[in-house]
Every structure is written in structure tokens, then in C-alpha cells.
Protein backbone atom coordinates (compact mmCIF):
# COMPACT_ATOMS: atom_id res chain seq x y z
CA MET A 1 8.68 -2.69 -8.68
CA SER A 2 8.37 -4.35 -5.31
CA LYS A 3 6.05 -7.13 -4.25
CA CYS A 4 5.39 -5.34 -0.95
CA ILE A 5 5.19 -1.60 -0.36
CA VAL A 6 5.16 -0.01 3.08
CA LEU A 7 3.79 3.52 2.84
CA VAL A 8 4.47 6.16 5.49
CA PRO A 9 2.20 9.14 4.69
CA SER A 10 2.83 12.58 6.16
CA ALA A 11 -0.81 13.71 5.80
CA PRO A 12 -4.27 12.17 5.45
CA TYR A 13 -5.34 10.84 2.06
CA SER A 14 -7.08 13.40 -0.15
CA ASP A 15 -8.17 13.73 -3.76
CA GLU A 16 -4.79 15.36 -4.47
CA SER A 17 -3.10 12.11 -3.39
CA GLU A 18 -4.75 10.03 -6.13
CA ALA A 19 -2.05 10.48 -8.80
CA PHE A 20 0.66 9.41 -6.36
CA LEU A 21 -1.38 6.43 -5.21
CA ARG A 22 -2.06 5.44 -8.83
CA SER A 23 1.69 5.37 -9.46
CA LEU A 24 2.13 2.93 -6.57
CA LEU A 25 -0.70 0.70 -7.80
CA GLU A 26 0.81 0.64 -11.30
CA GLU A 27 3.65 -1.35 -9.74
CA ALA A 28 1.07 -4.07 -8.99
CA PRO A 29 2.19 -4.79 -5.41
CA ASP A 30 0.82 -7.89 -3.74
CA LEU A 31 0.75 -6.11 -0.35
CA LEU A 32 0.47 -2.41 0.42
CA SER A 33 0.82 -1.65 4.14
CA VAL A 34 0.30 1.85 5.48
CA VAL A 35 1.94 2.99 8.73
CA GLY A 36 1.20 5.88 11.05
CA PRO A 37 -1.67 8.10 12.19
CA TYR A 38 -3.02 8.54 8.63
CA ALA A 39 -2.95 4.82 7.79
CA GLY A 40 -6.73 4.38 7.88
CA SER A 41 -7.51 7.12 5.38
CA TRP A 42 -4.82 5.86 2.98
CA GLU A 43 -6.00 2.26 3.25
CA ASP A 44 -9.51 3.42 2.38
CA GLY A 45 -8.06 5.48 -0.48
CA VAL A 46 -6.33 2.40 -1.91
CA ASP A 47 -9.48 0.31 -1.68
CA TRP A 48 -11.69 2.93 -3.33
CA LEU A 49 -9.14 3.68 -6.03
CA CYS A 50 -8.92 -0.02 -6.91
CA VAL A 51 -12.72 -0.12 -7.23
CA LYS A 52 -12.69 3.04 -9.34
CA LEU A 53 -10.00 1.67 -11.65
CA GLU A 54 -11.83 -1.64 -12.09
CA VAL A 55 -15.34 -0.24 -12.56
CA ARG A 56 -14.82 3.08 -14.32
CA GLU A 57 -11.60 2.47 -16.21
CA ASN A 58 -11.92 -1.28 -16.75
CA THR A 59 -8.40 -1.82 -15.42
CA GLU A 60 -7.51 -4.70 -13.14
CA ALA A 61 -6.31 -3.26 -9.85
CA PHE A 62 -6.04 -5.29 -6.69
CA CYS A 63 -3.69 -5.62 -3.75
CA ILE A 64 -4.01 -6.62 -0.13
CA THR A 65 -3.98 -3.57 2.13
CA THR A 66 -3.21 -3.28 5.82
CA ALA A 67 -3.33 -0.25 8.11
CA HIS A 68 -0.95 0.03 11.06
CA ILE A 69 -1.91 3.15 12.98
CA ASP A 70 -0.06 2.39 16.21
CA ASP A 71 2.67 0.04 14.96
CA ARG A 72 6.32 0.89 14.51
CA LEU A 73 7.69 1.09 10.97
CA GLU A 74 10.24 -1.62 11.77
CA ASP A 75 7.46 -4.01 12.81
CA VAL A 76 5.47 -3.39 9.64
CA VAL A 77 8.55 -3.93 7.47
CA ALA A 78 9.16 -7.20 9.34
CA PHE A 79 5.52 -8.17 8.68
CA ALA A 80 5.97 -7.42 4.95
CA ASN A 81 9.20 -9.46 4.87
CA GLN A 82 7.37 -12.34 6.53
CA TRP A 83 4.63 -11.98 3.89
CA CYS A 84 7.28 -12.47 1.20
CA GLU A 85 8.67 -15.52 2.99
CA LEU A 86 5.23 -17.10 3.25
CA LYS A 87 4.73 -16.54 -0.49
CA GLY A 88 8.13 -18.15 -1.18
CA TRP A 89 9.66 -14.90 -2.48
CA GLN A 90 12.91 -13.18 -1.66
CA HIS A 91 12.43 -10.19 0.62
CA ASP A 92 11.06 -7.55 -1.73
CA VAL A 93 9.86 -4.70 0.47
CA ARG A 94 10.12 -1.02 -0.38
CA VAL A 95 9.40 1.78 2.10
CA VAL A 96 7.84 4.89 0.54
CA ARG A 97 7.35 8.18 2.38
CA THR A 98 5.13 11.05 1.29
């Protein structure tokens, strides 16, 4: 389980992506950053899934999300590492690709 997850999706978010996204949220990341052309749809998917989990399933689900449509993966990983530093944590960033 990582404090920060950087997600690189290969396709837009869809209903079929929910189980995978749930598995990431079960890790309770503090930051979930999405990189690439599909970042916006995945960021929305995270936000709506957190609401669904809280309201319908009475499960606490929250993380900060960021979408980086035009940024390089290396820059987003550096941002996540800086996030950890600001929180006083060791670098704890995991890159996940779909």
C-alpha cells in the first residue's frame, strides 16, 4: 500500500473499470494522480466512486485526486514525491498502468 498512486490508464474510465479502481481505493492512498489523455475521466471516476462508497455502502472513501492530461509521467511522479515530502513521509509513490 502506497501513500501516493500515479495511475497511467490506457483507455477512458468506464463502468468495467470500477472493480480495478475499487482495489486501488482499498489501499487508502492519500493522493491519486492520473496521467495522460484519459486522466479527466478517471479523476471523475475516482470522485464518483468515493461518493458511491460513502453514500450507498457506508464506507469511508476519500483521497485527493489530480488529473495531468498534458504532463509527463516523470513530472507527476516528482509531484507525488514532493507531496510525500511536504507531509513528512518517505517517498512512497507507486506507478500503476492499466
